[in-house]
Amino acid sequence: MNEKVLYAELNPQEFRERLSKAPIAYLPLGTLEWHGRHMPLGADGLISQGFFIQLAHKVGGIVLPMFFLGPDDIEQHEGRPYYGMDILSYPKNIPQQLDGSAYWVSEEFFRQILKGTLVQLKRAGFKIVVAHGHGPSTMLFKKHIVNWKEEFKLELFTCWKQGEPPRIGLQTDHAAANETSLMMALRPELVNLENLPKILSDKPLGLLGRDPRKHASSETGRNILNMQINNMAKLLKEQLELTNLSNL
């Protein structure tokens, strides 16, 4: 686990060596966004990057820096914009700005960011790109996979599988049991469940999914990570074989 896999840390020779063995780019789609009182604002990127680092050690490839901008729901209220959990955490007629969220861009702007990124990754020599993280960002990437595969001649993936049980997938809720468990497994020092209400009938603010006070644990997080790493490793190794055959 001592080998370098982060793009920003590689020198040109190390980059060429890793690229020649596995031309896979991992793109963590993060945000700076409220993830409950118990989780860091950068949870989306920290989880996806942490997962990708482990996957890169198993399969090969290079992990890009975390994005922190992304699309989400938006509403105007009394002349002010509110985003994502600002809206979903409250009755529709009274959105409130949650502390620390600073990430929103329009879907069209984010689409252009992703397209520009894919152009540069293709130019650098990558053949496969795996993007995952913030839900709306991942959904937008997934939506365009078919067209972008043709346009950029890249193999593109997210880490969501069709029909996968939501609670054991990768980042399938918002700051609830799934993401909290993943963060507890990857960066336990950044999770403070004691910041949540002690009375279980008091619903924590800004969460979507199963209650982390009852259902989150580092063991659950490790199980999710191990399952998803095995799933993605199998898929990517198969794709690498196909890519190598196509280059003969």
C-alpha atoms as a PDB file:
ATOM      1  CA  MET A   1       0.000   0.000   0.000  1.00  0.00           C
ATOM      2  CA  ASN A   2       3.060   2.265  -0.110  1.00  0.00           C
ATOM      3  CA  GLU A   3       3.014   2.717  -3.880  1.00  0.00           C
ATOM      4  CA  LYS A   4       1.791   6.103  -5.049  1.00  0.00           C
ATOM      5  CA  VAL A   5      -1.568   6.168  -6.816  1.00  0.00           C
ATOM      6  CA  LEU A   6      -2.593   9.835  -6.542  1.00  0.00           C
ATOM      7  CA  TYR A   7      -2.201  11.659  -9.858  1.00  0.00           C
ATOM      8  CA  ALA A   8      -0.996  14.869  -8.196  1.00  0.00           C
ATOM      9  CA  GLU A   9       1.857  13.056  -6.428  1.00  0.00           C
ATOM     10  CA  LEU A  10       3.287  11.180  -9.414  1.00  0.00           C
ATOM     11  CA  ASN A  11       6.308  12.365 -11.346  1.00  0.00           C
ATOM     12  CA  PRO A  12       6.290  11.834 -15.145  1.00  0.00           C
ATOM     13  CA  GLN A  13       8.172   8.516 -15.017  1.00  0.00           C
ATOM     14  CA  GLU A  14       5.871   7.135 -12.312  1.00  0.00           C
ATOM     15  CA  PHE A  15       2.881   8.327 -14.312  1.00  0.00           C
ATOM     16  CA  ARG A  16       4.056   6.536 -17.479  1.00  0.00           C
ATOM     17  CA  GLU A  17       4.742   3.332 -15.562  1.00  0.00           C
ATOM     18  CA  ARG A  18       1.326   3.222 -13.930  1.00  0.00           C
ATOM     19  CA  LEU A  19      -0.447   4.221 -17.136  1.00  0.00           C
ATOM     20  CA  SER A  20       1.312   1.486 -19.135  1.00  0.00           C
ATOM     21  CA  LYS A  21       0.198  -1.188 -16.668  1.00  0.00           C
ATOM     22  CA  ALA A  22      -3.412  -0.015 -16.238  1.00  0.00           C
ATOM     23  CA  PRO A  23      -4.657   3.065 -18.176  1.00  0.00           C
ATOM     24  CA  ILE A  24      -7.487   3.682 -15.690  1.00  0.00           C
ATOM     25  CA  ALA A  25      -8.373   7.117 -14.286  1.00  0.00           C
ATOM     26  CA  TYR A  26     -10.468   7.284 -11.129  1.00  0.00           C
ATOM     27  CA  LEU A  27     -12.468  10.506 -10.753  1.00  0.00           C
ATOM     28  CA  PRO A  28     -13.845  11.254  -7.243  1.00  0.00           C
ATOM     29  CA  LEU A  29     -16.966  13.391  -7.634  1.00  0.00           C
ATOM     30  CA  GLY A  30     -17.019  15.317  -4.387  1.00  0.00           C
ATOM     31  CA  THR A  31     -18.755  18.364  -2.965  1.00  0.00           C
ATOM     32  CA  LEU A  32     -18.319  20.709  -0.056  1.00  0.00           C
ATOM     33  CA  GLU A  33     -21.741  20.097   1.381  1.00  0.00           C
ATOM     34  CA  TRP A  34     -23.594  19.608   4.646  1.00  0.00           C
ATOM     35  CA  HIS A  35     -23.455  15.925   5.589  1.00  0.00           C
ATOM     36  CA  GLY A  36     -25.092  16.113   8.971  1.00  0.00           C
ATOM     37  CA  ARG A  37     -23.628  17.394  12.209  1.00  0.00           C
ATOM     38  CA  HIS A  38     -21.560  14.218  12.508  1.00  0.00           C
ATOM     39  CA  MET A  39     -19.759  14.137   9.140  1.00  0.00           C
ATOM     40  CA  PRO A  40     -17.187  16.302   7.317  1.00  0.00           C
ATOM     41  CA  LEU A  41     -18.357  18.698   4.619  1.00  0.00           C
ATOM     42  CA  GLY A  42     -16.176  16.940   2.075  1.00  0.00           C
ATOM     43  CA  ALA A  43     -17.629  13.486   2.737  1.00  0.00           C
ATOM     44  CA  ASP A  44     -18.595  12.786  -0.882  1.00  0.00           C
ATOM     45  CA  GLY A  45     -15.077  13.269  -2.203  1.00  0.00           C
ATOM     46  CA  LEU A  46     -13.325  11.756   0.799  1.00  0.00           C
ATOM     47  CA  ILE A  47     -15.352   8.548   0.520  1.00  0.00           C
ATOM     48  CA  SER A  48     -15.038   8.164  -3.247  1.00  0.00           C
ATOM     49  CA  GLN A  49     -11.336   9.003  -3.238  1.00  0.00           C
ATOM     50  CA  GLY A  50     -10.666   6.641  -0.323  1.00  0.00           C
ATOM     51  CA  PHE A  51     -12.468   3.862  -2.176  1.00  0.00           C
ATOM     52  CA  PHE A  52     -10.594   4.606  -5.406  1.00  0.00           C
ATOM     53  CA  ILE A  53      -7.231   4.541  -3.647  1.00  0.00           C
ATOM     54  CA  GLN A  54      -7.940   1.022  -2.396  1.00  0.00           C
ATOM     55  CA  LEU A  55      -9.210  -0.022  -5.827  1.00  0.00           C
ATOM     56  CA  ALA A  56      -6.125   1.411  -7.548  1.00  0.00           C
ATOM     57  CA  HIS A  57      -3.867  -0.618  -5.264  1.00  0.00           C
ATOM     58  CA  LYS A  58      -5.770  -3.759  -6.229  1.00  0.00           C
ATOM     59  CA  VAL A  59      -6.257  -3.200  -9.966  1.00  0.00           C
ATOM     60  CA  GLY A  60      -3.846  -0.442 -10.963  1.00  0.00           C
ATOM     61  CA  GLY A  61      -4.633   2.975 -12.327  1.00  0.00           C
ATOM     62  CA  ILE A  62      -4.382   6.550 -11.107  1.00  0.00           C
ATOM     63  CA  VAL A  63      -6.653   8.530  -8.751  1.00  0.00           C
ATOM     64  CA  LEU A  64      -7.460  12.108  -9.738  1.00  0.00           C
ATOM     65  CA  PRO A  65      -7.944  14.995  -7.291  1.00  0.00           C
ATOM     66  CA  MET A  66     -11.396  15.380  -5.807  1.00  0.00           C
ATOM     67  CA  PHE A  67     -13.951  17.576  -7.508  1.00  0.00           C
ATOM     68  CA  PHE A  68     -15.800  19.859  -5.105  1.00  0.00           C
ATOM     69  CA  LEU A  69     -18.317  21.466  -7.479  1.00  0.00           C
ATOM     70  CA  GLY A  70     -21.453  19.629  -8.569  1.00  0.00           C
ATOM     71  CA  PRO A  71     -25.095  19.964  -9.581  1.00  0.00           C
ATOM     72  CA  ASP A  72     -28.086  19.567  -7.284  1.00  0.00           C
ATOM     73  CA  ASP A  73     -31.682  20.691  -6.776  1.00  0.00           C
ATOM     74  CA  ILE A  74     -32.139  24.457  -6.612  1.00  0.00           C
ATOM     75  CA  GLU A  75     -35.022  26.651  -5.441  1.00  0.00           C
ATOM     76  CA  GLN A  76     -35.405  30.397  -5.096  1.00  0.00           C
ATOM     77  CA  HIS A  77     -37.017  31.669  -1.898  1.00  0.00           C
ATOM     78  CA  GLU A  78     -37.460  35.360  -1.182  1.00  0.00           C
ATOM     79  CA  GLY A  79     -34.806  36.184  -3.754  1.00  0.00           C
ATOM     80  CA  ARG A  80     -32.183  33.776  -2.425  1.00  0.00           C
ATOM     81  CA  PRO A  81     -31.057  30.443  -3.918  1.00  0.00           C
ATOM     82  CA  TYR A  82     -31.146  27.249  -1.868  1.00  0.00           C
ATOM     83  CA  TYR A  83     -29.548  23.963  -2.874  1.00  0.00           C
ATOM     84  CA  GLY A  84     -29.855  20.250  -2.201  1.00  0.00           C
ATOM     85  CA  MET A  85     -30.324  19.573   1.474  1.00  0.00           C
ATOM     86  CA  ASP A  86     -31.226  23.243   2.078  1.00  0.00           C
ATOM     87  CA  ILE A  87     -34.497  22.257   0.428  1.00  0.00           C
ATOM     88  CA  LEU A  88     -34.876  18.577   1.282  1.00  0.00           C
ATOM     89  CA  SER A  89     -34.231  19.071   5.009  1.00  0.00           C
ATOM     90  CA  TYR A  90     -37.203  21.393   5.482  1.00  0.00           C
ATOM     91  CA  PRO A  91     -40.812  21.818   4.387  1.00  0.00           C
ATOM     92  CA  LYS A  92     -40.854  23.054   0.801  1.00  0.00           C
ATOM     93  CA  ASN A  93     -42.002  26.543   1.725  1.00  0.00           C
ATOM     94  CA  ILE A  94     -39.220  27.260   4.237  1.00  0.00           C
ATOM     95  CA  PRO A  95     -35.791  26.181   2.939  1.00  0.00           C
ATOM     96  CA  GLN A  96     -32.833  27.167   5.101  1.00  0.00           C
ATOM     97  CA  GLN A  97     -29.147  27.489   4.260  1.00  0.00           C
ATOM     98  CA  LEU A  98     -27.125  24.739   5.898  1.00  0.00           C
ATOM     99  CA  ASP A  99     -23.656  25.566   7.216  1.00  0.00           C
ATOM    100  CA  GLY A 100     -20.681  24.967   4.982  1.00  0.00           C
ATOM    101  CA  SER A 101     -22.342  24.047   1.687  1.00  0.00           C
ATOM    102  CA  ALA A 102     -20.412  25.720  -1.148  1.00  0.00           C
ATOM    103  CA  TYR A 103     -20.501  23.540  -4.239  1.00  0.00           C
ATOM    104  CA  TRP A 104     -23.453  24.177  -6.542  1.00  0.00           C
ATOM    105  CA  VAL A 105     -23.122  24.651 -10.292  1.00  0.00           C
ATOM    106  CA  SER A 106     -25.709  24.085 -13.010  1.00  0.00           C
ATOM    107  CA  GLU A 107     -25.990  20.720 -14.729  1.00  0.00           C
ATOM    108  CA  GLU A 108     -24.886  22.272 -18.030  1.00  0.00           C
ATOM    109  CA  PHE A 109     -21.792  23.841 -16.455  1.00  0.00           C
ATOM    110  CA  PHE A 110     -20.896  20.579 -14.726  1.00  0.00           C
ATOM    111  CA  ARG A 111     -21.435  18.653 -17.953  1.00  0.00           C
ATOM    112  CA  GLN A 112     -18.888  20.915 -19.623  1.00  0.00           C
ATOM    113  CA  ILE A 113     -16.432  20.352 -16.737  1.00  0.00           C
ATOM    114  CA  LEU A 114     -16.770  16.593 -17.167  1.00  0.00           C
ATOM    115  CA  LYS A 115     -16.389  16.764 -20.935  1.00  0.00           C
ATOM    116  CA  GLY A 116     -13.278  18.912 -20.595  1.00  0.00           C
ATOM    117  CA  THR A 117     -11.869  16.450 -18.070  1.00  0.00           C
ATOM    118  CA  LEU A 118     -12.482  13.495 -20.398  1.00  0.00           C
ATOM    119  CA  VAL A 119     -10.777  15.314 -23.277  1.00  0.00           C
ATOM    120  CA  GLN A 120      -7.678  15.815 -21.127  1.00  0.00           C
ATOM    121  CA  LEU A 121      -7.671  12.261 -19.764  1.00  0.00           C
ATOM    122  CA  LYS A 122      -7.928  10.867 -23.295  1.00  0.00           C
ATOM    123  CA  ARG A 123      -5.031  13.103 -24.346  1.00  0.00           C
ATOM    124  CA  ALA A 124      -2.944  11.884 -21.394  1.00  0.00           C
ATOM    125  CA  GLY A 125      -3.349   8.281 -22.538  1.00  0.00           C
ATOM    126  CA  PHE A 126      -6.117   6.832 -20.369  1.00  0.00           C
ATOM    127  CA  LYS A 127      -8.459   4.219 -21.831  1.00  0.00           C
ATOM    128  CA  ILE A 128     -10.872   3.779 -18.912  1.00  0.00           C
ATOM    129  CA  VAL A 129     -12.467   6.354 -16.588  1.00  0.00           C
ATOM    130  CA  VAL A 130     -14.382   5.500 -13.414  1.00  0.00           C
ATOM    131  CA  ALA A 131     -16.320   8.381 -11.846  1.00  0.00           C
ATOM    132  CA  HIS A 132     -18.265   8.181  -8.596  1.00  0.00           C
ATOM    133  CA  GLY A 133     -19.274  10.191  -5.542  1.00  0.00           C
ATOM    134  CA  HIS A 134     -21.907  12.915  -5.035  1.00  0.00           C
ATOM    135  CA  GLY A 135     -25.254  11.488  -6.131  1.00  0.00           C
ATOM    136  CA  PRO A 136     -26.384  14.142  -8.662  1.00  0.00           C
ATOM    137  CA  SER A 137     -22.859  14.335 -10.139  1.00  0.00           C
ATOM    138  CA  THR A 138     -22.667  10.561 -10.528  1.00  0.00           C
ATOM    139  CA  MET A 139     -26.152  10.419 -12.044  1.00  0.00           C
ATOM    140  CA  LEU A 140     -25.223  13.086 -14.608  1.00  0.00           C
ATOM    141  CA  PHE A 141     -22.053  11.193 -15.550  1.00  0.00           C
ATOM    142  CA  LYS A 142     -23.997   7.935 -15.810  1.00  0.00           C
ATOM    143  CA  LYS A 143     -26.657   9.600 -17.971  1.00  0.00           C
ATOM    144  CA  HIS A 144     -24.068  10.532 -20.615  1.00  0.00           C
ATOM    145  CA  ILE A 145     -21.964   7.348 -20.594  1.00  0.00           C
ATOM    146  CA  VAL A 146     -23.314   5.933 -23.867  1.00  0.00           C
ATOM    147  CA  ASN A 147     -22.771   9.158 -25.831  1.00  0.00           C
ATOM    148  CA  TRP A 148     -19.429  10.000 -24.238  1.00  0.00           C
ATOM    149  CA  LYS A 149     -18.027   6.516 -24.824  1.00  0.00           C
ATOM    150  CA  GLU A 150     -18.625   7.070 -28.519  1.00  0.00           C
ATOM    151  CA  GLU A 151     -17.476  10.698 -28.535  1.00  0.00           C
ATOM    152  CA  PHE A 152     -14.231  10.227 -26.588  1.00  0.00           C
ATOM    153  CA  LYS A 153     -13.476   6.562 -27.353  1.00  0.00           C
ATOM    154  CA  LEU A 154     -13.143   5.836 -23.645  1.00  0.00           C
ATOM    155  CA  GLU A 155     -14.645   3.090 -21.506  1.00  0.00           C
ATOM    156  CA  LEU A 156     -16.673   4.816 -18.778  1.00  0.00           C
ATOM    157  CA  PHE A 157     -18.044   3.467 -15.516  1.00  0.00           C
ATOM    158  CA  THR A 158     -19.601   4.441 -12.218  1.00  0.00           C
ATOM    159  CA  CYS A 159     -19.665   2.113  -9.211  1.00  0.00           C
ATOM    160  CA  TRP A 160     -23.443   1.679  -9.141  1.00  0.00           C
ATOM    161  CA  LYS A 161     -24.814  -1.580 -10.462  1.00  0.00           C
ATOM    162  CA  GLN A 162     -28.295  -2.176 -11.821  1.00  0.00           C
ATOM    163  CA  GLY A 163     -30.479  -3.912  -9.246  1.00  0.00           C
ATOM    164  CA  GLU A 164     -27.905  -3.575  -6.483  1.00  0.00           C
ATOM    165  CA  PRO A 165     -29.449  -3.455  -2.983  1.00  0.00           C
ATOM    166  CA  PRO A 166     -29.260   0.262  -2.119  1.00  0.00           C
ATOM    167  CA  ARG A 167     -28.044  -0.093   1.443  1.00  0.00           C
ATOM    168  CA  ILE A 168     -24.933  -2.058   0.453  1.00  0.00           C
ATOM    169  CA  GLY A 169     -23.971  -0.064  -2.616  1.00  0.00           C
ATOM    170  CA  LEU A 170     -21.366   2.693  -2.606  1.00  0.00           C
ATOM    171  CA  GLN A 171     -22.724   6.087  -1.480  1.00  0.00           C
ATOM    172  CA  THR A 172     -26.411   5.282  -1.827  1.00  0.00           C
ATOM    173  CA  ASP A 173     -27.787   7.746   0.750  1.00  0.00           C
ATOM    174  CA  HIS A 174     -26.940  11.204   2.059  1.00  0.00           C
ATOM    175  CA  ALA A 175     -24.992  11.233   5.337  1.00  0.00           C
ATOM    176  CA  ALA A 176     -27.116   8.372   6.649  1.00  0.00           C
ATOM    177  CA  ALA A 177     -26.136   4.790   7.520  1.00  0.00           C
ATOM    178  CA  ASN A 178     -24.399   4.003   4.220  1.00  0.00           C
ATOM    179  CA  GLU A 179     -22.142   7.047   3.873  1.00  0.00           C
ATOM    180  CA  THR A 180     -21.540   7.235   7.614  1.00  0.00           C
ATOM    181  CA  SER A 181     -20.415   3.594   7.700  1.00  0.00           C
ATOM    182  CA  LEU A 182     -18.107   4.182   4.747  1.00  0.00           C
ATOM    183  CA  MET A 183     -16.569   7.222   6.417  1.00  0.00           C
ATOM    184  CA  MET A 184     -16.182   5.301   9.672  1.00  0.00           C
ATOM    185  CA  ALA A 185     -14.240   2.632   7.781  1.00  0.00           C
ATOM    186  CA  LEU A 186     -12.088   5.061   5.796  1.00  0.00           C
ATOM    187  CA  ARG A 187     -11.615   8.057   8.099  1.00  0.00           C
ATOM    188  CA  PRO A 188     -13.057   7.237  11.529  1.00  0.00           C
ATOM    189  CA  GLU A 189     -11.460  10.309  13.130  1.00  0.00           C
ATOM    190  CA  LEU A 190     -13.778  12.513  11.038  1.00  0.00           C
ATOM    191  CA  VAL A 191     -17.042  10.961  12.270  1.00  0.00           C
ATOM    192  CA  ASN A 192     -18.667  12.206  15.477  1.00  0.00           C
ATOM    193  CA  LEU A 193     -21.956  10.405  16.050  1.00  0.00           C
ATOM    194  CA  GLU A 194     -22.179  12.075  19.445  1.00  0.00           C
ATOM    195  CA  ASN A 195     -23.027  15.310  17.595  1.00  0.00           C
ATOM    196  CA  LEU A 196     -26.390  13.833  16.618  1.00  0.00           C
ATOM    197  CA  PRO A 197     -29.460  14.007  18.897  1.00  0.00           C
ATOM    198  CA  LYS A 198     -29.286  11.520  21.751  1.00  0.00           C
ATOM    199  CA  ILE A 199     -33.023  10.834  21.623  1.00  0.00           C
ATOM    200  CA  LEU A 200     -33.648   8.506  18.680  1.00  0.00           C
ATOM    201  CA  SER A 201     -37.094   9.964  18.009  1.00  0.00           C
ATOM    202  CA  ASP A 202     -35.422  13.317  17.240  1.00  0.00           C
ATOM    203  CA  LYS A 203     -34.611  13.156  13.532  1.00  0.00           C
ATOM    204  CA  PRO A 204     -31.100  14.374  12.635  1.00  0.00           C
ATOM    205  CA  LEU A 205     -31.001  17.376  10.313  1.00  0.00           C
ATOM    206  CA  GLY A 206     -30.017  16.969   6.682  1.00  0.00           C
ATOM    207  CA  LEU A 207     -29.921  13.177   6.305  1.00  0.00           C
ATOM    208  CA  LEU A 208     -31.548  10.985   3.667  1.00  0.00           C
ATOM    209  CA  GLY A 209     -31.607   7.281   4.449  1.00  0.00           C
ATOM    210  CA  ARG A 210     -31.444   4.928   7.405  1.00  0.00           C
ATOM    211  CA  ASP A 211     -30.580   6.410  10.771  1.00  0.00           C
ATOM    212  CA  PRO A 212     -26.789   6.224  11.288  1.00  0.00           C
ATOM    213  CA  ARG A 213     -27.249   6.173  15.076  1.00  0.00           C
ATOM    214  CA  LYS A 214     -28.856   2.741  14.725  1.00  0.00           C
ATOM    215  CA  HIS A 215     -27.387   1.293  11.549  1.00  0.00           C
ATOM    216  CA  ALA A 216     -23.899   2.739  10.941  1.00  0.00           C
ATOM    217  CA  SER A 217     -20.669   1.002  11.920  1.00  0.00           C
ATOM    218  CA  SER A 218     -17.102   0.710  10.703  1.00  0.00           C
ATOM    219  CA  GLU A 219     -17.677  -3.026  10.156  1.00  0.00           C
ATOM    220  CA  THR A 220     -20.595  -2.270   7.844  1.00  0.00           C
ATOM    221  CA  GLY A 221     -18.418   0.225   6.000  1.00  0.00           C
ATOM    222  CA  ARG A 222     -15.601  -2.283   5.553  1.00  0.00           C
ATOM    223  CA  ASN A 223     -18.050  -4.888   4.242  1.00  0.00           C
ATOM    224  CA  ILE A 224     -19.400  -2.415   1.685  1.00  0.00           C
ATOM    225  CA  LEU A 225     -15.895  -1.417   0.612  1.00  0.00           C
ATOM    226  CA  ASN A 226     -14.710  -5.003   0.248  1.00  0.00           C
ATOM    227  CA  MET A 227     -17.751  -6.044  -1.758  1.00  0.00           C
ATOM    228  CA  GLN A 228     -17.557  -3.032  -4.057  1.00  0.00           C
ATOM    229  CA  ILE A 229     -13.789  -3.347  -4.551  1.00  0.00           C
ATOM    230  CA  ASN A 230     -14.206  -6.993  -5.576  1.00  0.00           C
ATOM    231  CA  ASN A 231     -17.072  -6.106  -7.929  1.00  0.00           C
ATOM    232  CA  MET A 232     -15.186  -3.255  -9.584  1.00  0.00           C
ATOM    233  CA  ALA A 233     -11.888  -5.164  -9.708  1.00  0.00           C
ATOM    234  CA  LYS A 234     -13.530  -7.978 -11.664  1.00  0.00           C
ATOM    235  CA  LEU A 235     -15.189  -5.549 -14.061  1.00  0.00           C
ATOM    236  CA  LEU A 236     -12.053  -3.469 -14.635  1.00  0.00           C
ATOM    237  CA  LYS A 237      -9.719  -6.433 -15.076  1.00  0.00           C
ATOM    238  CA  GLU A 238     -12.085  -7.798 -17.732  1.00  0.00           C
ATOM    239  CA  GLN A 239     -12.141  -4.397 -19.425  1.00  0.00           C
ATOM    240  CA  LEU A 240      -8.337  -4.154 -19.322  1.00  0.00           C
ATOM    241  CA  GLU A 241      -8.098  -7.522 -21.089  1.00  0.00           C
ATOM    242  CA  LEU A 242     -10.509  -6.321 -23.783  1.00  0.00           C
ATOM    243  CA  THR A 243      -8.577  -3.066 -24.136  1.00  0.00           C
ATOM    244  CA  ASN A 244      -5.265  -4.911 -24.495  1.00  0.00           C
ATOM    245  CA  LEU A 245      -6.757  -7.243 -27.127  1.00  0.00           C
ATOM    246  CA  SER A 246      -8.100  -4.302 -29.117  1.00  0.00           C
ATOM    247  CA  ASN A 247      -4.610  -2.787 -29.202  1.00  0.00           C
ATOM    248  CA  LEU A 248      -2.975  -5.908 -30.709  1.00  0.00           C
END
